[in-house]
PDB file of N, CA and C in Angstrom:
ATOM      1  N   MET A   1      22.118  17.453   3.823  1.00  0.00           N
ATOM      2  CA  MET A   1      21.653  17.547   5.193  1.00  0.00           C
ATOM      3  C   MET A   1      21.124  18.968   5.408  1.00  0.00           C
ATOM      4  N   ASN A   2      19.874  19.072   5.771  1.00  0.00           N
ATOM      5  CA  ASN A   2      19.307  20.396   5.979  1.00  0.00           C
ATOM      6  C   ASN A   2      19.577  20.870   7.409  1.00  0.00           C
ATOM      7  N   ASN A   3      19.121  22.067   7.699  1.00  0.00           N
ATOM      8  CA  ASN A   3      19.406  22.671   9.006  1.00  0.00           C
ATOM      9  C   ASN A   3      18.787  21.884  10.157  1.00  0.00           C
ATOM     10  N   LYS A   4      17.592  21.371   9.955  1.00  0.00           N
ATOM     11  CA  LYS A   4      16.921  20.625  11.022  1.00  0.00           C
ATOM     12  C   LYS A   4      17.684  19.346  11.364  1.00  0.00           C
ATOM     13  N   GLU A   5      18.111  18.597  10.358  1.00  0.00           N
ATOM     14  CA  GLU A   5      18.889  17.371  10.592  1.00  0.00           C
ATOM     15  C   GLU A   5      20.225  17.691  11.247  1.00  0.00           C
ATOM     16  N   GLN A   6      20.846  18.764  10.794  1.00  0.00           N
ATOM     17  CA  GLN A   6      22.135  19.146  11.367  1.00  0.00           C
ATOM     18  C   GLN A   6      21.971  19.558  12.835  1.00  0.00           C
ATOM     19  N   LYS A   7      20.904  20.284  13.137  1.00  0.00           N
ATOM     20  CA  LYS A   7      20.653  20.697  14.516  1.00  0.00           C
ATOM     21  C   LYS A   7      20.390  19.481  15.404  1.00  0.00           C
ATOM     22  N   GLU A   8      19.606  18.517  14.934  1.00  0.00           N
ATOM     23  CA  GLU A   8      19.346  17.298  15.705  1.00  0.00           C
ATOM     24  C   GLU A   8      20.621  16.497  15.931  1.00  0.00           C
ATOM     25  N   ARG A   9      21.448  16.431  14.907  1.00  0.00           N
ATOM     26  CA  ARG A   9      22.721  15.707  15.032  1.00  0.00           C
ATOM     27  C   ARG A   9      23.620  16.375  16.071  1.00  0.00           C
ATOM     28  N   MET A  10      23.697  17.696  16.040  1.00  0.00           N
ATOM     29  CA  MET A  10      24.521  18.422  17.007  1.00  0.00           C
ATOM     30  C   MET A  10      23.974  18.255  18.428  1.00  0.00           C
ATOM     31  N   GLU A  11      22.655  18.225  18.569  1.00  0.00           N
ATOM     32  CA  GLU A  11      22.068  18.003  19.894  1.00  0.00           C
ATOM     33  C   GLU A  11      22.396  16.609  20.417  1.00  0.00           C
ATOM     34  N   ARG A  12      22.347  15.590  19.550  1.00  0.00           N
ATOM     35  CA  ARG A  12      22.714  14.231  19.967  1.00  0.00           C
ATOM     36  C   ARG A  12      24.181  14.162  20.376  1.00  0.00           C
ATOM     37  N   LEU A  13      25.057  14.794  19.582  1.00  0.00           N
ATOM     38  CA  LEU A  13      26.481  14.789  19.918  1.00  0.00           C
ATOM     39  C   LEU A  13      26.739  15.527  21.227  1.00  0.00           C
ATOM     40  N   ASN A  14      26.066  16.640  21.422  1.00  0.00           N
ATOM     41  CA  ASN A  14      26.231  17.414  22.646  1.00  0.00           C
ATOM     42  C   ASN A  14      25.754  16.614  23.856  1.00  0.00           C
ATOM     43  N   HIS A  15      24.633  15.923  23.711  1.00  0.00           N
ATOM     44  CA  HIS A  15      24.121  15.095  24.800  1.00  0.00           C
ATOM     45  C   HIS A  15      25.098  13.954  25.119  1.00  0.00           C
ATOM     46  N   ALA A  16      25.623  13.306  24.092  1.00  0.00           N
ATOM     47  CA  ALA A  16      26.586  12.217  24.308  1.00  0.00           C
ATOM     48  C   ALA A  16      27.840  12.732  25.002  1.00  0.00           C
ATOM     49  N   LEU A  17      28.284  13.918  24.630  1.00  0.00           N
ATOM     50  CA  LEU A  17      29.464  14.513  25.260  1.00  0.00           C
ATOM     51  C   LEU A  17      29.204  14.775  26.738  1.00  0.00           C
ATOM     52  N   HIS A  18      28.040  15.309  27.062  1.00  0.00           N
ATOM     53  CA  HIS A  18      27.718  15.583  28.460  1.00  0.00           C
ATOM     54  C   HIS A  18      27.578  14.295  29.266  1.00  0.00           C
ATOM     55  N   VAL A  19      27.049  13.256  28.663  1.00  0.00           N
ATOM     56  CA  VAL A  19      26.941  11.968  29.356  1.00  0.00           C
ATOM     57  C   VAL A  19      28.335  11.411  29.639  1.00  0.00           C
ATOM     58  N   ASN A  20      29.246  11.509  28.673  1.00  0.00           N
ATOM     59  CA  ASN A  20      30.609  11.012  28.875  1.00  0.00           C
ATOM     60  C   ASN A  20      31.334  11.812  29.945  1.00  0.00           C
ATOM     61  N   ILE A  21      31.146  13.128  29.953  1.00  0.00           N
ATOM     62  CA  ILE A  21      31.785  13.961  30.971  1.00  0.00           C
ATOM     63  C   ILE A  21      31.240  13.609  32.352  1.00  0.00           C
ATOM     64  N   ALA A  22      29.937  13.406  32.452  1.00  0.00           N
ATOM     65  CA  ALA A  22      29.336  13.036  33.739  1.00  0.00           C
ATOM     66  C   ALA A  22      29.856  11.682  34.211  1.00  0.00           C
ATOM     67  N   ARG A  23      30.010  10.731  33.300  1.00  0.00           N
ATOM     68  CA  ARG A  23      30.526   9.409  33.665  1.00  0.00           C
ATOM     69  C   ARG A  23      31.978   9.518  34.134  1.00  0.00           C
ATOM     70  N   ASP A  24      32.787  10.325  33.446  1.00  0.00           N
ATOM     71  CA  ASP A  24      34.173  10.508  33.873  1.00  0.00           C
ATOM     72  C   ASP A  24      34.245  11.170  35.244  1.00  0.00           C
ATOM     73  N   ASN A  25      33.402  12.174  35.477  1.00  0.00           N
ATOM     74  CA  ASN A  25      33.392  12.824  36.791  1.00  0.00           C
ATOM     75  C   ASN A  25      33.004  11.837  37.885  1.00  0.00           C
ATOM     76  N   ARG A  26      32.042  10.984  37.613  1.00  0.00           N
ATOM     77  CA  ARG A  26      31.636   9.968  38.589  1.00  0.00           C
ATOM     78  C   ARG A  26      32.786   9.003  38.867  1.00  0.00           C
ATOM     79  N   ASN A  27      33.487   8.576  37.817  1.00  0.00           N
ATOM     80  CA  ASN A  27      34.617   7.666  37.997  1.00  0.00           C
ATOM     81  C   ASN A  27      35.720   8.320  38.817  1.00  0.00           C
ATOM     82  N   ILE A  28      35.994   9.594  38.552  1.00  0.00           N
ATOM     83  CA  ILE A  28      37.038  10.305  39.296  1.00  0.00           C
ATOM     84  C   ILE A  28      36.629  10.459  40.757  1.00  0.00           C
ATOM     85  N   ASN A  29      35.371  10.782  41.004  1.00  0.00           N
ATOM     86  CA  ASN A  29      34.901  10.921  42.386  1.00  0.00           C
ATOM     87  C   ASN A  29      34.986   9.594  43.137  1.00  0.00           C
ATOM     88  N   LEU A  30      34.614   8.507  42.488  1.00  0.00           N
ATOM     89  CA  LEU A  30      34.709   7.198  43.144  1.00  0.00           C
ATOM     90  C   LEU A  30      36.164   6.800  43.388  1.00  0.00           C
ATOM     91  N   THR A  31      37.065   7.174  42.475  1.00  0.00           N
ATOM     92  CA  THR A  31      38.490   6.900  42.679  1.00  0.00           C
ATOM     93  C   THR A  31      39.009   7.657  43.890  1.00  0.00           C
ATOM     94  N   CYS A  32      38.605   8.907  44.043  1.00  0.00           N
ATOM     95  CA  CYS A  32      39.015   9.693  45.211  1.00  0.00           C
ATOM     96  C   CYS A  32      38.452   9.096  46.498  1.00  0.00           C
ATOM     97  N   LEU A  33      37.223   8.617  46.454  1.00  0.00           N
ATOM     98  CA  LEU A  33      36.660   7.960  47.634  1.00  0.00           C
ATOM     99  C   LEU A  33      37.427   6.689  47.980  1.00  0.00           C
ATOM    100  N   ALA A  34      37.857   5.958  46.969  1.00  0.00           N
ATOM    101  CA  ALA A  34      38.647   4.746  47.222  1.00  0.00           C
ATOM    102  C   ALA A  34      39.978   5.096  47.874  1.00  0.00           C
ATOM    103  N   LEU A  35      40.520   6.259  47.552  1.00  0.00           N
ATOM    104  CA  LEU A  35      41.770   6.701  48.177  1.00  0.00           C
ATOM    105  C   LEU A  35      41.536   7.116  49.625  1.00  0.00           C
ATOM    106  N   ILE A  36      40.431   7.779  49.890  1.00  0.00           N
ATOM    107  CA  ILE A  36      40.190   8.347  51.215  1.00  0.00           C
ATOM    108  C   ILE A  36      39.780   7.279  52.227  1.00  0.00           C
ATOM    109  N   VAL A  37      38.918   6.356  51.840  1.00  0.00           N
ATOM    110  CA  VAL A  37      38.352   5.381  52.776  1.00  0.00           C
ATOM    111  C   VAL A  37      38.998   4.022  52.522  1.00  0.00           C
ATOM    112  N   PRO A  38      39.897   3.567  53.412  1.00  0.00           N
ATOM    113  CA  PRO A  38      40.638   2.342  53.104  1.00  0.00           C
ATOM    114  C   PRO A  38      39.788   1.073  53.079  1.00  0.00           C
ATOM    115  N   PHE A  39      38.813   0.951  53.967  1.00  0.00           N
ATOM    116  CA  PHE A  39      38.048  -0.297  54.020  1.00  0.00           C
ATOM    117  C   PHE A  39      37.032  -0.412  52.898  1.00  0.00           C
ATOM    118  N   PHE A  40      36.413   0.701  52.527  1.00  0.00           N
ATOM    119  CA  PHE A  40      35.389   0.665  51.491  1.00  0.00           C
ATOM    120  C   PHE A  40      35.945   0.997  50.113  1.00  0.00           C
ATOM    121  N   GLY A  41      37.256   1.104  49.987  1.00  0.00           N
ATOM    122  CA  GLY A  41      37.863   1.423  48.702  1.00  0.00           C
ATOM    123  C   GLY A  41      37.579   0.385  47.641  1.00  0.00           C
ATOM    124  N   VAL A  42      37.580  -0.877  48.017  1.00  0.00           N
ATOM    125  CA  VAL A  42      37.292  -1.947  47.058  1.00  0.00           C
ATOM    126  C   VAL A  42      35.834  -1.868  46.612  1.00  0.00           C
ATOM    127  N   TYR A  43      34.948  -1.540  47.539  1.00  0.00           N
ATOM    128  CA  TYR A  43      33.529  -1.388  47.192  1.00  0.00           C
ATOM    129  C   TYR A  43      33.346  -0.253  46.188  1.00  0.00           C
ATOM    130  N   PHE A  44      34.007   0.884  46.433  1.00  0.00           N
ATOM    131  CA  PHE A  44      33.900   2.010  45.505  1.00  0.00           C
ATOM    132  C   PHE A  44      34.566   1.684  44.173  1.00  0.00           C
ATOM    133  N   ALA A  45      35.676   0.968  44.212  1.00  0.00           N
ATOM    134  CA  ALA A  45      36.398   0.650  42.974  1.00  0.00           C
ATOM    135  C   ALA A  45      35.578  -0.279  42.083  1.00  0.00           C
ATOM    136  N   ARG A  46      34.800  -1.159  42.677  1.00  0.00           N
ATOM    137  CA  ARG A  46      33.992  -2.075  41.862  1.00  0.00           C
ATOM    138  C   ARG A  46      32.873  -1.358  41.125  1.00  0.00           C
ATOM    139  N   LYS A  47      32.492  -0.177  41.574  1.00  0.00           N
ATOM    140  CA  LYS A  47      31.422   0.578  40.930  1.00  0.00           C
ATOM    141  C   LYS A  47      31.918   1.406  39.743  1.00  0.00           C
ATOM    142  N   ILE A  48      33.217   1.466  39.517  1.00  0.00           N
ATOM    143  CA  ILE A  48      33.783   2.296  38.455  1.00  0.00           C
ATOM    144  C   ILE A  48      33.668   1.567  37.122  1.00  0.00           C
ATOM    145  N   ASP A  49      33.260   2.306  36.085  1.00  0.00           N
ATOM    146  CA  ASP A  49      33.041   1.718  34.762  1.00  0.00           C
ATOM    147  C   ASP A  49      34.337   1.513  33.990  1.00  0.00           C
ATOM    148  N   ASP A  50      35.213   2.495  34.013  1.00  0.00           N
ATOM    149  CA  ASP A  50      36.421   2.479  33.194  1.00  0.00           C
ATOM    150  C   ASP A  50      37.498   1.620  33.862  1.00  0.00           C
ATOM    151  N   LYS A  51      38.155   0.769  33.080  1.00  0.00           N
ATOM    152  CA  LYS A  51      39.135  -0.171  33.641  1.00  0.00           C
ATOM    153  C   LYS A  51      40.355   0.544  34.219  1.00  0.00           C
ATOM    154  N   SER A  52      40.832   1.593  33.566  1.00  0.00           N
ATOM    155  CA  SER A  52      42.022   2.282  34.064  1.00  0.00           C
ATOM    156  C   SER A  52      41.732   2.998  35.382  1.00  0.00           C
ATOM    157  N   TYR A  53      40.569   3.639  35.490  1.00  0.00           N
ATOM    158  CA  TYR A  53      40.195   4.272  36.753  1.00  0.00           C
ATOM    159  C   TYR A  53      39.997   3.219  37.846  1.00  0.00           C
ATOM    160  N   ARG A  54      39.433   2.064  37.489  1.00  0.00           N
ATOM    161  CA  ARG A  54      39.209   1.001  38.463  1.00  0.00           C
ATOM    162  C   ARG A  54      40.540   0.469  38.991  1.00  0.00           C
ATOM    163  N   THR A  55      41.493   0.263  38.102  1.00  0.00           N
ATOM    164  CA  THR A  55      42.811  -0.210  38.528  1.00  0.00           C
ATOM    165  C   THR A  55      43.481   0.810  39.437  1.00  0.00           C
ATOM    166  N   LEU A  56      43.385   2.082  39.063  1.00  0.00           N
ATOM    167  CA  LEU A  56      43.949   3.147  39.892  1.00  0.00           C
ATOM    168  C   LEU A  56      43.287   3.168  41.265  1.00  0.00           C
ATOM    169  N   ALA A  57      41.987   2.981  41.306  1.00  0.00           N
ATOM    170  CA  ALA A  57      41.275   2.976  42.585  1.00  0.00           C
ATOM    171  C   ALA A  57      41.716   1.802  43.453  1.00  0.00           C
ATOM    172  N   TYR A  58      41.898   0.618  42.861  1.00  0.00           N
ATOM    173  CA  TYR A  58      42.379  -0.532  43.631  1.00  0.00           C
ATOM    174  C   TYR A  58      43.773  -0.265  44.198  1.00  0.00           C
ATOM    175  N   VAL A  59      44.646   0.302  43.391  1.00  0.00           N
ATOM    176  CA  VAL A  59      46.013   0.584  43.846  1.00  0.00           C
ATOM    177  C   VAL A  59      46.000   1.624  44.959  1.00  0.00           C
ATOM    178  N   LEU A  60      45.224   2.690  44.785  1.00  0.00           N
ATOM    179  CA  LEU A  60      45.160   3.732  45.806  1.00  0.00           C
ATOM    180  C   LEU A  60      44.539   3.212  47.096  1.00  0.00           C
ATOM    181  N   SER A  61      43.540   2.364  46.981  1.00  0.00           N
ATOM    182  CA  SER A  61      42.925   1.787  48.169  1.00  0.00           C
ATOM    183  C   SER A  61      43.918   0.894  48.914  1.00  0.00           C
ATOM    184  N   PHE A  62      44.669   0.094  48.178  1.00  0.00           N
ATOM    185  CA  PHE A  62      45.676  -0.765  48.807  1.00  0.00           C
ATOM    186  C   PHE A  62      46.772   0.073  49.464  1.00  0.00           C
ATOM    187  N   ALA A  63      47.212   1.128  48.775  1.00  0.00           N
ATOM    188  CA  ALA A  63      48.251   1.994  49.341  1.00  0.00           C
ATOM    189  C   ALA A  63      47.754   2.672  50.611  1.00  0.00           C
ATOM    190  N   ASN A  64      46.536   3.135  50.598  1.00  0.00           N
ATOM    191  CA  ASN A  64      45.979   3.772  51.788  1.00  0.00           C
ATOM    192  C   ASN A  64      45.857   2.767  52.929  1.00  0.00           C
ATOM    193  N   PHE A  65      45.452   1.555  52.620  1.00  0.00           N
ATOM    194  CA  PHE A  65      45.360   0.517  53.645  1.00  0.00           C
ATOM    195  C   PHE A  65      46.734   0.239  54.247  1.00  0.00           C
ATOM    196  N   MET A  66      47.749   0.139  53.402  1.00  0.00           N
ATOM    197  CA  MET A  66      49.095  -0.163  53.895  1.00  0.00           C
ATOM    198  C   MET A  66      49.672   0.991  54.705  1.00  0.00           C
ATOM    199  N   ILE A  67      49.264   2.209  54.402  1.00  0.00           N
ATOM    200  CA  ILE A  67      49.783   3.371  55.126  1.00  0.00           C
ATOM    201  C   ILE A  67      49.039   3.583  56.442  1.00  0.00           C
ATOM    202  N   THR A  68      47.735   3.381  56.454  1.00  0.00           N
ATOM    203  CA  THR A  68      46.954   3.726  57.645  1.00  0.00           C
ATOM    204  C   THR A  68      46.649   2.532  58.543  1.00  0.00           C
ATOM    205  N   VAL A  69      46.190   1.445  58.014  1.00  0.00           N
ATOM    206  CA  VAL A  69      45.698   0.342  58.841  1.00  0.00           C
ATOM    207  C   VAL A  69      46.807  -0.639  59.202  1.00  0.00           C
ATOM    208  N   PHE A  70      47.642  -0.993  58.261  1.00  0.00           N
ATOM    209  CA  PHE A  70      48.663  -2.012  58.505  1.00  0.00           C
ATOM    210  C   PHE A  70      49.612  -1.642  59.651  1.00  0.00           C
ATOM    211  N   PRO A  71      50.116  -0.404  59.741  1.00  0.00           N
ATOM    212  CA  PRO A  71      50.995  -0.098  60.882  1.00  0.00           C
ATOM    213  C   PRO A  71      50.302  -0.238  62.237  1.00  0.00           C
ATOM    214  N   LEU A  72      49.021   0.109  62.298  1.00  0.00           N
ATOM    215  CA  LEU A  72      48.293  -0.038  63.562  1.00  0.00           C
ATOM    216  C   LEU A  72      48.152  -1.506  63.943  1.00  0.00           C
ATOM    217  N   VAL A  73      47.813  -2.343  63.000  1.00  0.00           N
ATOM    218  CA  VAL A  73      47.674  -3.775  63.272  1.00  0.00           C
ATOM    219  C   VAL A  73      49.028  -4.380  63.628  1.00  0.00           C
ATOM    220  N   TYR A  74      50.077  -3.955  62.949  1.00  0.00           N
ATOM    221  CA  TYR A  74      51.418  -4.477  63.229  1.00  0.00           C
ATOM    222  C   TYR A  74      51.870  -4.091  64.636  1.00  0.00           C
ATOM    223  N   GLU A  75      51.597  -2.865  65.045  1.00  0.00           N
ATOM    224  CA  GLU A  75      51.978  -2.439  66.394  1.00  0.00           C
ATOM    225  C   GLU A  75      51.242  -3.252  67.453  1.00  0.00           C
ATOM    226  N   GLN A  76      49.968  -3.497  67.238  1.00  0.00           N
ATOM    227  CA  GLN A  76      49.211  -4.306  68.192  1.00  0.00           C
ATOM    228  C   GLN A  76      49.732  -5.741  68.230  1.00  0.00           C
ATOM    229  N   TRP A  77      50.076  -6.278  67.080  1.00  0.00           N
ATOM    230  CA  TRP A  77      50.604  -7.637  67.022  1.00  0.00           C
ATOM    231  C   TRP A  77      51.969  -7.714  67.701  1.00  0.00           C
ATOM    232  N   LYS A  78      52.799  -6.691  67.491  1.00  0.00           N
ATOM    233  CA  LYS A  78      54.141  -6.677  68.064  1.00  0.00           C
ATOM    234  C   LYS A  78      54.073  -6.592  69.592  1.00  0.00           C
ATOM    235  N   HIS A  79      53.133  -5.823  70.120  1.00  0.00           N
ATOM    236  CA  HIS A  79      53.017  -5.696  71.574  1.00  0.00           C
ATOM    237  C   HIS A  79      52.389  -6.932  72.213  1.00  0.00           C
ATOM    238  N   SER A  80      51.612  -7.680  71.454  1.00  0.00           N
ATOM    239  CA  SER A  80      50.990  -8.874  72.029  1.00  0.00           C
ATOM    240  C   SER A  80      51.976 -10.036  72.134  1.00  0.00           C
ATOM    241  N   ASN A  81      53.065 -10.004  71.361  1.00  0.00           N
ATOM    242  CA  ASN A  81      54.053 -11.097  71.406  1.00  0.00           C
ATOM    243  C   ASN A  81      55.138 -10.834  72.369  1.00  0.00           C
TER     244      ASN A  81
END
């Protein structure tokens, strides 16, 4: 393998590494959005490529929904009865 082939190979590997890092950053950002916004968390979670990040986003979205929205709905239901 001469220097030119080695340089091209290193450039391809470097590009692939940057693409993977960008994809991971996107997945992490979408997971954080799923945690912050309870109603659109499922929408953001469906856009995630990696299965483990997607599962985490679904769990965080459900937890946020149960913490923020469910008590409000329960209080309204309790007062209406």
